[in-house]
Protein backbone atom coordinates (compact mmCIF):
# COMPACT_ATOMS: atom_id res chain seq x y z
CA MET A 1 18.83 139.60 94.09
CA ALA A 2 18.42 135.83 94.28
CA ASP A 3 14.99 136.04 92.61
CA LEU A 4 16.25 138.12 89.69
CA ARG A 5 19.34 135.98 89.24
CA THR A 6 17.32 132.77 89.33
CA ALA A 7 14.72 134.13 86.91
CA VAL A 8 17.29 135.24 84.35
CA LEU A 9 19.38 132.08 84.64
CA ASP A 10 16.26 129.93 84.27
CA ALA A 11 15.26 131.86 81.14
CA LEU A 12 18.71 131.26 79.66
CA GLU A 13 18.09 127.51 79.74
CA ASP A 14 16.30 128.12 76.45
CA ASN A 15 19.31 128.96 74.29
CA ARG A 16 17.38 129.44 71.05
CA PRO A 17 16.58 133.17 71.44
CA LEU A 18 20.25 133.94 72.13
CA MET A 19 21.39 131.95 69.11
CA ASP A 20 18.73 133.58 66.93
CA GLU A 21 20.12 137.01 67.87
CA PHE A 22 23.63 135.79 67.08
CA GLU A 23 22.77 134.29 63.70
CA ALA A 24 20.79 137.35 62.63
CA ILE A 25 23.83 139.56 63.25
CA CYS A 26 26.13 137.15 61.39
CA ASP A 27 23.80 137.37 58.40
CA PHE A 28 25.00 140.94 57.78
CA GLY A 29 28.56 139.78 57.13
CA GLY A 30 31.75 141.35 58.45
CA ARG A 31 30.35 144.81 59.38
CA PHE A 32 33.47 146.76 58.44
CA SER A 33 32.86 150.40 59.42
CA GLY A 34 31.55 152.52 56.57
CA THR A 35 30.25 149.60 54.50
CA GLU A 36 26.68 148.61 53.71
CA SER A 37 27.21 145.52 55.86
CA GLU A 38 27.85 147.71 58.92
CA LYS A 39 25.03 150.14 58.13
CA ARG A 40 22.49 147.33 57.72
CA ALA A 41 23.65 145.81 61.00
CA VAL A 42 23.22 149.16 62.78
CA ALA A 43 19.67 149.48 61.44
CA HIS A 44 18.90 145.96 62.67
CA LEU A 45 20.37 146.67 66.10
CA LYS A 46 18.32 149.87 66.39
CA ASN A 47 15.18 147.86 65.76
CA ARG A 48 16.14 145.16 68.24
CA MET A 49 17.09 147.67 70.93
CA ALA A 50 13.76 149.44 70.51
CA ALA A 51 11.92 146.12 70.74
CA ILE A 52 13.63 144.99 73.94
CA SER A 53 13.57 148.39 75.69
CA GLY A 54 10.22 149.83 74.64
CA ALA A 55 11.89 153.03 73.38
CA ASP A 56 13.95 154.14 70.40
CA ALA A 57 17.67 153.57 70.73
CA HIS A 58 19.73 156.66 71.50
CA VAL A 59 22.26 157.40 68.77
CA PHE A 60 25.72 158.64 69.71
CA PRO A 61 27.37 159.94 66.51
CA THR A 62 30.99 158.84 66.25
CA GLU A 63 33.09 160.99 63.93
CA TYR A 64 36.19 159.32 62.57
CA ASP A 65 38.68 159.40 59.73
CA GLY A 66 36.89 157.27 57.18
CA TRP A 67 38.98 155.07 54.92
CA ARG A 68 38.43 152.46 52.24
CA ARG A 69 40.50 150.12 50.11
CA GLU A 70 40.64 150.66 46.38
CA THR A 71 43.34 148.35 44.98
CA GLN A 72 46.43 146.58 46.25
CA THR A 73 48.97 144.33 44.55
CA LEU A 74 52.21 142.69 45.67
CA THR A 75 54.61 141.18 43.15
CA ARG A 76 57.87 139.46 43.97
CA LEU A 77 60.46 140.60 41.44
CA THR A 78 63.46 138.54 42.58
CA PRO A 79 64.60 135.80 42.66
CA SER A 80 61.73 135.23 40.19
CA VAL A 81 58.51 137.03 39.35
CA LEU A 82 55.50 135.89 41.39
CA ASP A 83 52.19 137.62 42.18
CA LEU A 84 51.33 137.39 45.89
CA GLU A 85 48.04 137.81 47.74
CA CYS A 86 47.77 140.93 49.91
CA THR A 87 45.31 143.40 51.42
CA SER A 88 45.93 146.87 52.79
CA LEU A 89 45.56 147.50 56.51
CA VAL A 90 43.13 150.12 57.81
CA TRP A 91 44.48 153.66 57.42
CA SER A 92 47.31 152.57 55.16
CA PRO A 93 48.25 155.46 52.89
CA SER A 94 48.57 154.93 49.17
CA THR A 95 51.84 154.24 47.43
CA PRO A 96 52.85 156.39 44.46
CA ALA A 97 50.66 155.58 41.46
CA GLY A 98 53.17 153.17 39.98
CA GLY A 99 53.81 151.49 43.31
CA LEU A 100 57.09 151.26 45.19
CA GLU A 101 59.92 148.78 44.82
CA ALA A 102 62.00 147.66 47.79
CA GLU A 103 63.69 144.67 49.36
CA VAL A 104 61.90 142.65 52.05
CA VAL A 105 63.62 141.92 55.38
CA ASP A 106 62.01 139.03 57.27
CA LEU A 107 62.02 139.80 61.02
CA GLY A 108 60.11 136.68 62.04
CA ARG A 109 57.77 137.46 64.92
CA GLY A 110 58.83 141.09 64.80
CA GLU A 111 60.05 141.67 68.35
CA LEU A 112 60.95 145.27 69.03
CA SER A 113 64.49 144.13 69.83
CA ALA A 114 64.78 142.79 66.27
CA PHE A 115 63.85 146.19 64.87
CA ALA A 116 66.52 147.79 67.06
CA GLU A 117 69.22 145.24 66.26
CA ARG A 118 68.63 145.39 62.51
CA ALA A 119 67.83 149.08 62.20
CA ASP A 120 70.58 149.65 59.63
CA GLU A 121 68.98 147.08 57.32
CA LEU A 122 65.46 148.50 57.48
CA ARG A 123 65.74 152.04 56.14
CA GLY A 124 64.20 152.09 52.69
CA ARG A 125 63.29 148.40 52.90
CA ILE A 126 60.10 146.56 53.90
CA PRO A 127 60.09 144.61 57.18
CA LEU A 128 58.00 141.43 57.20
CA VAL A 129 56.61 140.32 60.58
CA ARG A 130 54.08 137.75 61.79
CA HIS A 131 50.61 138.16 63.22
CA GLU A 132 50.16 136.55 66.65
CA TYR A 133 47.41 134.90 68.65
CA MET A 134 45.90 138.00 70.18
CA PHE A 135 44.52 136.77 73.47
CA THR A 136 47.60 136.25 75.62
CA GLU A 137 49.56 138.30 78.12
CA SER A 138 52.64 138.23 75.89
CA THR A 139 51.00 139.26 72.60
CA LEU A 140 52.85 142.03 70.79
CA HIS A 141 50.18 143.97 68.90
CA ARG A 142 50.77 144.72 65.23
CA ARG A 143 50.66 148.47 65.88
CA TYR A 144 53.82 148.30 67.98
CA LYS A 145 55.52 146.49 65.12
CA TYR A 146 54.15 148.93 62.57
CA ASP A 147 55.32 151.94 64.60
CA ALA A 148 58.77 150.39 64.92
CA ALA A 149 58.91 149.98 61.13
CA ARG A 150 57.79 153.54 60.56
CA GLU A 151 60.31 154.93 63.04
CA ALA A 152 63.09 152.88 61.40
CA GLY A 153 62.50 154.63 58.09
CA ALA A 154 61.00 151.60 56.36
CA ALA A 155 59.44 152.07 52.94
CA ALA A 156 56.39 149.96 53.83
CA PHE A 157 55.23 147.26 56.25
CA LEU A 158 54.06 143.67 55.74
CA ILE A 159 52.43 141.43 58.34
CA ALA A 160 51.77 137.77 57.58
CA ASN A 161 49.13 135.41 58.86
CA TYR A 162 50.84 132.67 60.88
CA LEU A 163 48.10 130.16 60.00
CA PRO A 164 48.58 128.31 56.70
CA GLY A 165 45.54 127.84 54.50
CA VAL A 166 43.58 130.67 56.12
CA GLY A 167 44.44 133.52 53.77
CA LEU A 168 44.63 137.18 54.66
CA LEU A 169 44.16 139.20 57.83
CA SER A 170 42.35 142.43 58.52
CA GLY A 171 43.27 145.06 61.10
CA SER A 172 44.48 148.61 61.48
CA SER A 173 47.96 150.04 61.02
CA GLY A 174 48.65 153.74 61.46
CA ARG A 175 46.49 156.58 62.69
CA ASN A 176 46.08 158.57 59.48
CA ARG A 177 49.27 160.57 60.17
CA PRO A 178 51.49 162.22 57.54
CA SER A 179 54.35 159.95 58.67
CA ASP A 180 52.40 156.72 58.09
CA ILE A 181 53.77 154.20 55.59
CA PRO A 182 51.89 151.78 53.30
CA ALA A 183 50.93 148.63 55.20
CA CYS A 184 49.55 145.32 53.98
CA ALA A 185 48.69 141.89 55.33
CA ILE A 186 49.71 138.77 53.44
CA SER A 187 49.03 135.05 53.78
CA ALA A 188 51.37 132.53 55.36
CA GLU A 189 52.03 131.15 51.88
CA SER A 190 53.01 134.59 50.55
CA ALA A 191 55.38 135.03 53.49
CA ALA A 192 57.06 131.72 52.65
CA ALA A 193 57.73 133.07 49.16
CA LEU A 194 59.57 136.08 50.60
CA THR A 195 62.33 134.36 52.56
CA GLU A 196 65.89 135.54 52.09
CA THR A 197 68.05 133.42 49.77
CA SER A 198 71.77 133.13 49.16
CA ASN A 199 71.30 135.86 46.59
CA GLY A 200 70.07 138.30 49.24
CA TYR A 201 66.75 139.87 50.12
CA PRO A 202 63.82 139.32 47.77
CA ARG A 203 62.68 142.45 45.96
CA VAL A 204 58.99 143.31 45.54
CA ARG A 205 56.74 145.88 43.95
CA LEU A 206 53.90 147.01 46.23
CA THR A 207 50.97 149.04 44.94
CA VAL A 208 48.33 150.37 47.33
CA GLN A 209 45.51 152.76 46.50
CA THR A 210 43.21 153.90 49.31
CA VAL A 211 40.76 156.75 49.89
CA SER A 212 40.50 158.70 53.15
CA SER A 213 37.71 161.11 54.11
CA GLY A 214 35.79 162.20 57.18
CA ASP A 215 32.90 159.94 58.15
CA THR A 216 30.39 159.43 60.96
CA ALA A 217 29.32 156.10 62.41
CA GLU A 218 26.50 155.46 64.85
CA SER A 219 27.01 154.04 68.31
CA LEU A 220 23.81 153.06 70.13
CA PHE A 221 22.42 152.75 73.64
CA VAL A 222 19.22 152.06 75.57
CA GLU A 223 18.59 152.33 79.29
CA LEU A 224 16.65 150.66 82.09
CA PRO A 225 16.65 153.06 85.09
CA GLY A 226 17.06 151.98 88.70
CA GLU A 227 16.29 153.54 92.07
CA LEU A 228 19.61 155.38 92.16
CA ASP A 229 21.14 157.61 89.51
CA GLU A 230 23.91 155.04 89.14
CA TRP A 231 24.60 152.90 86.10
CA ILE A 232 26.01 149.59 85.00
CA VAL A 233 27.18 149.81 81.38
CA LEU A 234 26.93 146.54 79.45
CA SER A 235 28.85 147.07 76.21
CA ALA A 236 29.85 145.35 72.98
CA HIS A 237 31.18 146.64 69.66
CA ILE A 238 29.27 146.64 66.40
CA ASP A 239 31.93 146.86 63.72
CA GLY A 240 34.06 144.03 62.45
CA HIS A 241 36.22 143.05 59.50
CA PRO A 242 35.63 142.57 55.77
CA PHE A 243 36.45 138.85 55.81
CA GLY A 244 34.06 136.23 57.16
CA GLU A 245 31.14 137.14 59.43
CA SER A 246 32.97 138.68 62.41
CA ALA A 247 31.06 136.05 64.34
CA MET A 248 33.33 135.58 67.34
CA ASP A 249 34.48 139.20 67.12
CA ASN A 250 31.90 140.39 67.92
CA ALA A 251 28.47 139.05 67.01
CA THR A 252 28.80 136.97 70.20
CA GLY A 253 28.95 140.08 72.40
CA LEU A 254 26.18 141.93 70.57
CA ALA A 255 23.78 138.99 70.77
CA MET A 256 24.50 138.48 74.46
CA GLY A 257 23.94 142.14 75.27
CA LEU A 258 20.56 142.15 73.55
CA ARG A 259 19.37 138.96 75.21
CA LEU A 260 20.46 139.89 78.73
CA PHE A 261 18.94 143.38 78.60
CA GLU A 262 15.70 141.83 77.36
CA LEU A 263 15.61 139.28 80.18
CA VAL A 264 16.42 141.75 82.96
CA ARG A 265 13.70 144.13 81.77
CA ALA A 266 11.19 141.30 81.38
CA GLN A 267 11.37 140.45 85.10
CA ARG A 268 9.96 143.89 86.04
CA ILE A 269 11.88 143.81 89.30
CA LYS A 270 12.89 147.10 90.89
CA LEU A 271 16.63 147.56 90.39
CA ARG A 272 18.98 149.33 92.78
CA ARG A 273 20.85 150.97 89.87
CA GLY A 274 20.20 151.28 86.15
CA LEU A 275 21.37 149.19 83.21
CA ARG A 276 22.71 150.95 80.12
CA LEU A 277 23.25 148.73 77.07
CA MET A 278 25.82 150.36 74.78
CA PHE A 279 26.93 149.20 71.35
CA PHE A 280 30.02 151.09 70.20
CA ASN A 281 31.14 151.57 66.62
CA VAL A 282 34.60 152.01 65.06
CA GLU A 283 36.13 149.80 67.77
CA GLU A 284 38.36 147.98 65.31
CA TRP A 285 39.90 151.31 64.29
CA GLY A 286 41.50 152.04 67.66
CA LEU A 287 38.53 151.91 70.10
CA TRP A 288 37.29 155.15 68.60
CA GLY A 289 33.58 155.09 69.54
CA SER A 290 34.06 154.36 73.23
CA ARG A 291 36.94 156.80 73.45
CA GLN A 292 34.76 159.66 72.21
CA TYR A 293 31.98 158.65 74.58
CA VAL A 294 34.10 158.41 77.74
CA GLU A 295 36.16 161.52 76.98
CA GLY A 296 32.91 163.45 76.56
CA LEU A 297 31.61 162.54 80.03
CA SER A 298 31.86 164.99 82.91
CA ASP A 299 33.50 163.87 86.15
CA GLU A 300 30.02 163.65 87.67
CA ALA A 301 28.74 161.43 84.85
CA ARG A 302 31.77 159.15 85.13
CA ALA A 303 31.23 158.80 88.88
CA LYS A 304 27.68 157.59 88.24
CA ILE A 305 28.94 154.64 86.17
CA LYS A 306 29.82 151.99 88.73
CA LEU A 307 30.98 149.27 86.33
CA ASN A 308 31.55 148.58 82.64
CA VAL A 309 30.99 144.96 81.62
CA ASN A 310 32.46 144.69 78.12
CA LEU A 311 31.60 141.66 76.00
CA ASP A 312 34.08 141.03 73.20
CA SER A 313 34.71 137.62 71.62
CA VAL A 314 32.98 135.74 74.42
CA ALA A 315 32.66 132.38 72.62
CA GLY A 316 34.87 130.26 70.40
CA ALA A 317 36.49 128.44 73.32
CA PRO A 318 35.02 126.88 76.48
CA ASP A 319 37.05 128.87 79.03
CA LEU A 320 36.30 132.46 80.03
CA THR A 321 38.63 135.15 81.36
CA ALA A 322 37.92 138.60 82.76
CA ILE A 323 40.61 141.17 81.98
CA THR A 324 40.17 143.39 85.03
CA SER A 325 42.23 146.48 84.16
CA GLU A 326 44.15 146.67 87.47
CA TYR A 327 41.03 147.41 89.53
CA SER A 328 41.82 145.31 92.59
CA LYS A 329 38.23 145.05 93.82
CA LEU A 330 37.01 143.49 90.59
CA PRO A 331 38.44 139.92 90.84
CA PRO A 332 36.74 139.05 94.17
CA PHE A 333 33.47 140.64 93.01
CA LEU A 334 33.54 138.62 89.79
CA ALA A 335 34.56 135.42 91.57
CA ALA A 336 31.49 135.66 93.80
CA ALA A 337 29.20 136.20 90.81
CA ALA A 338 30.79 133.27 88.95
CA SER A 339 30.31 131.03 91.97
CA ALA A 340 26.65 132.05 92.19
CA CYS A 341 25.99 130.71 88.67
CA ASP A 342 28.49 127.83 88.82
CA VAL A 343 30.51 128.99 85.79
CA PRO A 344 34.34 128.84 85.99
CA LEU A 345 36.08 132.17 85.48
CA SER A 346 39.73 133.21 85.42
CA CYS A 347 40.85 136.78 86.03
CA HIS A 348 43.80 138.47 84.37
CA ASP A 349 44.51 141.67 86.27
CA ALA A 350 46.14 143.80 83.61
CA LEU A 351 45.27 146.96 81.75
CA MET A 352 45.03 145.88 78.11
CA ARG A 353 44.18 148.20 75.24
CA ASN A 354 42.37 145.55 73.24
CA SER A 355 38.68 146.48 73.53
CA ASP A 356 36.30 149.22 74.67
CA HIS A 357 36.69 148.50 78.39
CA TYR A 358 40.11 150.16 78.14
CA ASN A 359 38.65 153.63 77.63
CA PHE A 360 36.38 153.24 80.65
CA ALA A 361 39.25 151.96 82.77
CA VAL A 362 41.66 154.79 81.93
CA GLY A 363 38.75 157.19 82.46
CA GLY A 364 38.51 156.15 86.11
CA ILE A 365 35.58 153.75 85.70
CA PRO A 366 35.95 150.13 86.90
CA ALA A 367 35.85 148.02 83.75
CA PHE A 368 36.62 144.54 82.53
CA ARG A 369 36.54 142.64 79.27
CA LEU A 370 35.05 139.17 79.17
CA VAL A 371 36.83 137.06 76.54
CA ALA A 372 36.97 133.39 75.62
CA GLY A 373 40.15 131.50 74.81
CA PHE A 374 42.68 133.57 76.76
CA ASP A 375 46.05 131.81 76.57
CA GLN A 376 44.47 129.07 74.40
CA PRO A 377 46.13 129.57 70.99
CA GLU A 378 44.66 126.34 69.58
CA SER A 379 41.10 127.57 70.18
CA HIS A 380 38.85 128.89 67.42
CA LEU A 381 39.76 132.42 68.53
CA ARG A 382 42.89 132.03 66.40
CA TYR A 383 40.67 132.72 63.38
CA VAL A 384 39.64 136.22 64.51
CA LEU A 385 40.47 138.84 61.82
CA THR A 386 40.30 136.20 59.06
CA ARG A 387 37.72 134.77 56.67
CA GLU A 388 37.34 131.85 59.09
CA ASP A 389 35.63 133.97 61.77
CA THR A 390 32.25 132.44 61.02
CA ARG A 391 29.27 131.21 62.99
CA GLU A 392 30.07 127.50 62.81
CA LYS A 393 33.10 128.11 65.05
CA ILE A 394 30.72 128.85 67.93
CA ALA A 395 29.29 126.13 70.17
CA GLU A 396 25.87 126.83 71.66
CA SER A 397 27.17 125.63 75.02
CA GLU A 398 29.87 128.33 74.92
CA MET A 399 27.30 131.04 74.29
CA GLN A 400 25.06 129.76 77.06
CA GLN A 401 27.90 129.59 79.56
CA ALA A 402 29.09 133.12 78.79
CA ALA A 403 25.52 134.42 79.00
CA ARG A 404 25.00 132.79 82.40
CA LEU A 405 28.19 134.29 83.77
CA THR A 406 27.45 137.75 82.39
CA ALA A 407 23.91 137.60 83.74
CA SER A 408 25.16 136.74 87.20
CA VAL A 409 27.71 139.59 87.17
CA VAL A 410 25.18 142.11 85.88
CA VAL A 411 22.53 141.08 88.42
CA SER A 412 25.03 141.41 91.26
CA ALA A 413 26.04 144.86 90.04
CA LEU A 414 22.45 146.03 89.55
CA THR A 415 21.13 144.85 92.91
CA THR A 416 23.95 145.14 95.45
CA GLU A 417 22.98 147.72 98.07
CA THR A 418 26.26 149.63 97.78
CA LEU A 419 28.70 149.16 94.91
CA ASP A 420 32.17 150.67 94.99
CA LEU A 421 34.68 148.86 92.78
CA ARG A 422 37.06 151.77 92.39
CA ALA A 423 40.47 151.01 93.87
């Protein structure tokens, strides 16, 4: 184990190959599922996976409810007419052709208690809430807010970026249900124009036109077998958002997965268990690719997967956290691997439905997400989902540190004589 760890860590001293992988993925743009950007990125990843594994990548078709934006407009009608910037959220249904008119009720952050306390005000109106820094224990995900609006009988839903000067957000809203309501993101500046005045709630006209249809995306994997029919799954998600380059989220994880698989295979050292590199698609639409994969596994196949190491937004801040999904054996295992490569690591032992590790964890497979910037709202991770998620936000030192830590964890998992991380 020491020889493999040392060899991989030594190879990572040259950071250029890792950064080349990262920049090549960023070149495809945001990689929103169903777009040419995403399809070109998938083709590139297939080629890279074949090159580093010596075999064609396996394709796991991921069927999903495809969706695309057509047009969206938001106009304040009172107290004066003003056109406001907006974009529809994934799976938002269309408004009637002429749009809908309603008053806007500003709920600030959008705590669920606020929806309950002001329920009488919300029916037939449009609640306005704020996006939050996503990587904290206390984050209230937009879907909870959206569902509260829908259940309150709201006419539509607006969520505002909390960062001035950054523009719009991307993200999903409903789940393509008949009861879903139109949903849009707006800028911080647009939100400021929708505050209540002495004359009452501002009134707006919202027009959203979207198209929904069945679609199939491609998730990918390659394998490096070991002595035992046991597997370590190293995963990252392919798809991103239409704004920016989806650099932090998640070109960082994709690049790291490619580089580490390549380095482990290059050592030609006999492994105790196998390494499966998996790139899931349609993650940003509710973790859809990994959900289909895990739900399709037999109990026997699940038992053979000893650990899922999920890389999602692993640079953009200097500090790393493992979200360990309430598997009590994971924190000490990860602490030992972090010590072996001299990279600081914090553990947050909670089950969080914020990346593909979640589907492994609820499927009975030990799983964690590695993420940068946890509880660091001033870090560059605040720009995820926006046009500012671009490559220049990433420091090479952050990529190298995350790669070293991941390498140490993966080597430990691949080479330990017996590995049982199930609680």
